[in-house]
Amino acid sequence: MSKPKGQRTHVRKGKVTARKVSDVLNAIAHLVRAVGVLVDALSKWFG
């Protein structure tokens, strides 16, 4: 069970990076959805 400390920290860093990437992707998805709703509302407003 005993692993080298360096390897463990490397794995943890990878997990943090993956979490950051997924957070960014989630933010982009929310932004795209919000923009889509906004465009839809504006098109209904002006159309």
PDB file of N, CA and C in Angstrom:
ATOM      1  N   MET A   1       0.826  -1.218   0.000  1.00  0.00           N
ATOM      2  CA  MET A   1       0.000   0.000   0.000  1.00  0.00           C
ATOM      3  C   MET A   1       0.860   1.268   0.000  1.00  0.00           C
ATOM      4  N   SER A   2       2.111   1.158   0.490  1.00  0.00           N
ATOM      5  CA  SER A   2       2.936   2.361   0.611  1.00  0.00           C
ATOM      6  C   SER A   2       3.446   2.800  -0.761  1.00  0.00           C
ATOM      7  N   LYS A   3       3.028   3.951  -1.212  1.00  0.00           N
ATOM      8  CA  LYS A   3       3.473   4.496  -2.494  1.00  0.00           C
ATOM      9  C   LYS A   3       4.454   5.644  -2.245  1.00  0.00           C
ATOM     10  N   PRO A   4       5.288   5.956  -3.222  1.00  0.00           N
ATOM     11  CA  PRO A   4       6.161   7.135  -3.083  1.00  0.00           C
ATOM     12  C   PRO A   4       5.328   8.405  -2.955  1.00  0.00           C
ATOM     13  N   LYS A   5       5.808   9.328  -2.102  1.00  0.00           N
ATOM     14  CA  LYS A   5       5.053  10.563  -1.879  1.00  0.00           C
ATOM     15  C   LYS A   5       4.939  11.386  -3.158  1.00  0.00           C
ATOM     16  N   GLY A   6       6.019  11.427  -3.943  1.00  0.00           N
ATOM     17  CA  GLY A   6       6.007  12.217  -5.179  1.00  0.00           C
ATOM     18  C   GLY A   6       4.912  11.765  -6.123  1.00  0.00           C
ATOM     19  N   GLN A   7       4.772  10.444  -6.239  1.00  0.00           N
ATOM     20  CA  GLN A   7       3.747   9.911  -7.145  1.00  0.00           C
ATOM     21  C   GLN A   7       2.360  10.322  -6.659  1.00  0.00           C
ATOM     22  N   ARG A   8       2.143  10.230  -5.356  1.00  0.00           N
ATOM     23  CA  ARG A   8       0.825  10.554  -4.809  1.00  0.00           C
ATOM     24  C   ARG A   8       0.480  12.023  -5.063  1.00  0.00           C
ATOM     25  N   THR A   9       1.447  12.917  -4.826  1.00  0.00           N
ATOM     26  CA  THR A   9       1.183  14.337  -5.063  1.00  0.00           C
ATOM     27  C   THR A   9       0.931  14.590  -6.544  1.00  0.00           C
ATOM     28  N   HIS A  10       1.652  13.844  -7.415  1.00  0.00           N
ATOM     29  CA  HIS A  10       1.446  14.010  -8.858  1.00  0.00           C
ATOM     30  C   HIS A  10       0.015  13.626  -9.226  1.00  0.00           C
ATOM     31  N   VAL A  11      -0.470  12.517  -8.655  1.00  0.00           N
ATOM     32  CA  VAL A  11      -1.840  12.071  -8.939  1.00  0.00           C
ATOM     33  C   VAL A  11      -2.829  13.116  -8.447  1.00  0.00           C
ATOM     34  N   ARG A  12      -2.555  13.665  -7.236  1.00  0.00           N
ATOM     35  CA  ARG A  12      -3.471  14.660  -6.679  1.00  0.00           C
ATOM     36  C   ARG A  12      -3.505  15.899  -7.575  1.00  0.00           C
ATOM     37  N   LYS A  13      -2.325  16.318  -8.055  1.00  0.00           N
ATOM     38  CA  LYS A  13      -2.252  17.486  -8.938  1.00  0.00           C
ATOM     39  C   LYS A  13      -3.061  17.230 -10.215  1.00  0.00           C
ATOM     40  N   GLY A  14      -2.961  16.005 -10.739  1.00  0.00           N
ATOM     41  CA  GLY A  14      -3.722  15.649 -11.926  1.00  0.00           C
ATOM     42  C   GLY A  14      -5.215  15.739 -11.672  1.00  0.00           C
ATOM     43  N   LYS A  15      -5.632  15.268 -10.488  1.00  0.00           N
ATOM     44  CA  LYS A  15      -7.056  15.341 -10.150  1.00  0.00           C
ATOM     45  C   LYS A  15      -7.511  16.784 -10.061  1.00  0.00           C
ATOM     46  N   VAL A  16      -6.688  17.634  -9.439  1.00  0.00           N
ATOM     47  CA  VAL A  16      -7.045  19.055  -9.317  1.00  0.00           C
ATOM     48  C   VAL A  16      -7.152  19.686 -10.700  1.00  0.00           C
ATOM     49  N   THR A  17      -6.213  19.355 -11.587  1.00  0.00           N
ATOM     50  CA  THR A  17      -6.254  19.896 -12.945  1.00  0.00           C
ATOM     51  C   THR A  17      -7.514  19.433 -13.664  1.00  0.00           C
ATOM     52  N   ALA A  18      -7.851  18.150 -13.520  1.00  0.00           N
ATOM     53  CA  ALA A  18      -9.065  17.616 -14.157  1.00  0.00           C
ATOM     54  C   ALA A  18     -10.291  18.338 -13.616  1.00  0.00           C
ATOM     55  N   ARG A  19     -10.287  18.604 -12.297  1.00  0.00           N
ATOM     56  CA  ARG A  19     -11.430  19.301 -11.698  1.00  0.00           C
ATOM     57  C   ARG A  19     -11.528  20.714 -12.248  1.00  0.00           C
ATOM     58  N   LYS A  20     -10.375  21.388 -12.384  1.00  0.00           N
ATOM     59  CA  LYS A  20     -10.378  22.741 -12.950  1.00  0.00           C
ATOM     60  C   LYS A  20     -10.904  22.726 -14.380  1.00  0.00           C
ATOM     61  N   VAL A  21     -10.456  21.739 -15.168  1.00  0.00           N
ATOM     62  CA  VAL A  21     -10.913  21.634 -16.563  1.00  0.00           C
ATOM     63  C   VAL A  21     -12.413  21.414 -16.608  1.00  0.00           C
ATOM     64  N   SER A  22     -12.918  20.515 -15.762  1.00  0.00           N
ATOM     65  CA  SER A  22     -14.357  20.243 -15.760  1.00  0.00           C
ATOM     66  C   SER A  22     -15.126  21.476 -15.290  1.00  0.00           C
ATOM     67  N   ASP A  23     -14.565  22.226 -14.319  1.00  0.00           N
ATOM     68  CA  ASP A  23     -15.209  23.467 -13.880  1.00  0.00           C
ATOM     69  C   ASP A  23     -15.295  24.462 -15.030  1.00  0.00           C
ATOM     70  N   VAL A  24     -14.211  24.600 -15.788  1.00  0.00           N
ATOM     71  CA  VAL A  24     -14.209  25.525 -16.925  1.00  0.00           C
ATOM     72  C   VAL A  24     -15.232  25.083 -17.964  1.00  0.00           C
ATOM     73  N   LEU A  25     -15.273  23.777 -18.236  1.00  0.00           N
ATOM     74  CA  LEU A  25     -16.234  23.268 -19.218  1.00  0.00           C
ATOM     75  C   LEU A  25     -17.665  23.502 -18.734  1.00  0.00           C
ATOM     76  N   ASN A  26     -17.912  23.292 -17.437  1.00  0.00           N
ATOM     77  CA  ASN A  26     -19.242  23.554 -16.890  1.00  0.00           C
ATOM     78  C   ASN A  26     -19.599  25.020 -17.017  1.00  0.00           C
ATOM     79  N   ALA A  27     -18.647  25.904 -16.721  1.00  0.00           N
ATOM     80  CA  ALA A  27     -18.895  27.340 -16.837  1.00  0.00           C
ATOM     81  C   ALA A  27     -19.227  27.706 -18.281  1.00  0.00           C
ATOM     82  N   ILE A  28     -18.465  27.151 -19.237  1.00  0.00           N
ATOM     83  CA  ILE A  28     -18.725  27.432 -20.654  1.00  0.00           C
ATOM     84  C   ILE A  28     -20.106  26.922 -21.040  1.00  0.00           C
ATOM     85  N   ALA A  29     -20.477  25.725 -20.557  1.00  0.00           N
ATOM     86  CA  ALA A  29     -21.784  25.165 -20.872  1.00  0.00           C
ATOM     87  C   ALA A  29     -22.893  26.057 -20.319  1.00  0.00           C
ATOM     88  N   HIS A  30     -22.726  26.517 -19.069  1.00  0.00           N
ATOM     89  CA  HIS A  30     -23.717  27.423 -18.483  1.00  0.00           C
ATOM     90  C   HIS A  30     -23.805  28.716 -19.283  1.00  0.00           C
ATOM     91  N   LEU A  31     -22.651  29.235 -19.690  1.00  0.00           N
ATOM     92  CA  LEU A  31     -22.615  30.482 -20.452  1.00  0.00           C
ATOM     93  C   LEU A  31     -23.339  30.313 -21.784  1.00  0.00           C
ATOM     94  N   VAL A  32     -23.040  29.206 -22.485  1.00  0.00           N
ATOM     95  CA  VAL A  32     -23.680  28.946 -23.776  1.00  0.00           C
ATOM     96  C   VAL A  32     -25.189  28.826 -23.594  1.00  0.00           C
ATOM     97  N   ARG A  33     -25.606  28.113 -22.541  1.00  0.00           N
ATOM     98  CA  ARG A  33     -27.036  27.941 -22.303  1.00  0.00           C
ATOM     99  C   ARG A  33     -27.688  29.292 -22.001  1.00  0.00           C
ATOM    100  N   ALA A  34     -27.015  30.118 -21.175  1.00  0.00           N
ATOM    101  CA  ALA A  34     -27.558  31.432 -20.838  1.00  0.00           C
ATOM    102  C   ALA A  34     -27.672  32.304 -22.082  1.00  0.00           C
ATOM    103  N   VAL A  35     -26.626  32.272 -22.923  1.00  0.00           N
ATOM    104  CA  VAL A  35     -26.656  33.065 -24.159  1.00  0.00           C
ATOM    105  C   VAL A  35     -27.777  32.568 -25.071  1.00  0.00           C
ATOM    106  N   GLY A  36     -27.959  31.256 -25.144  1.00  0.00           N
ATOM    107  CA  GLY A  36     -29.032  30.701 -25.965  1.00  0.00           C
ATOM    108  C   GLY A  36     -30.391  31.154 -25.474  1.00  0.00           C
ATOM    109  N   VAL A  37     -30.593  31.122 -24.158  1.00  0.00           N
ATOM    110  CA  VAL A  37     -31.868  31.581 -23.588  1.00  0.00           C
ATOM    111  C   VAL A  37     -32.055  33.065 -23.868  1.00  0.00           C
ATOM    112  N   LEU A  38     -30.972  33.844 -23.721  1.00  0.00           N
ATOM    113  CA  LEU A  38     -31.051  35.279 -23.960  1.00  0.00           C
ATOM    114  C   LEU A  38     -31.411  35.568 -25.416  1.00  0.00           C
ATOM    115  N   VAL A  39     -30.751  34.898 -26.340  1.00  0.00           N
ATOM    116  CA  VAL A  39     -31.024  35.094 -27.778  1.00  0.00           C
ATOM    117  C   VAL A  39     -32.463  34.700 -28.078  1.00  0.00           C
ATOM    118  N   ASP A  40     -32.915  33.601 -27.489  1.00  0.00           N
ATOM    119  CA  ASP A  40     -34.286  33.149 -27.714  1.00  0.00           C
ATOM    120  C   ASP A  40     -35.282  34.201 -27.201  1.00  0.00           C
ATOM    121  N   ALA A  41     -35.016  34.726 -26.008  1.00  0.00           N
ATOM    122  CA  ALA A  41     -35.896  35.737 -25.437  1.00  0.00           C
ATOM    123  C   ALA A  41     -35.889  37.002 -26.290  1.00  0.00           C
ATOM    124  N   LEU A  42     -34.719  37.412 -26.754  1.00  0.00           N
ATOM    125  CA  LEU A  42     -34.630  38.628 -27.577  1.00  0.00           C
ATOM    126  C   LEU A  42     -35.334  38.430 -28.914  1.00  0.00           C
ATOM    127  N   SER A  43     -35.186  37.243 -29.506  1.00  0.00           N
ATOM    128  CA  SER A  43     -35.835  36.994 -30.788  1.00  0.00           C
ATOM    129  C   SER A  43     -37.348  36.998 -30.613  1.00  0.00           C
ATOM    130  N   LYS A  44     -37.839  36.471 -29.492  1.00  0.00           N
ATOM    131  CA  LYS A  44     -39.280  36.525 -29.219  1.00  0.00           C
ATOM    132  C   LYS A  44     -39.699  37.978 -28.996  1.00  0.00           C
ATOM    133  N   TRP A  45     -38.825  38.736 -28.280  1.00  0.00           N
ATOM    134  CA  TRP A  45     -39.135  40.126 -27.960  1.00  0.00           C
ATOM    135  C   TRP A  45     -39.277  40.954 -29.242  1.00  0.00           C
ATOM    136  N   PHE A  46     -38.278  40.819 -30.143  1.00  0.00           N
ATOM    137  CA  PHE A  46     -38.262  41.641 -31.356  1.00  0.00           C
ATOM    138  C   PHE A  46     -39.063  40.996 -32.501  1.00  0.00           C
ATOM    139  N   GLY A  47     -39.292  39.696 -32.381  1.00  0.00           N
ATOM    140  CA  GLY A  47     -39.980  38.999 -33.468  1.00  0.00           C
ATOM    141  C   GLY A  47     -41.449  38.865 -33.193  1.00  0.00           C
TER     142      GLY A  47
END
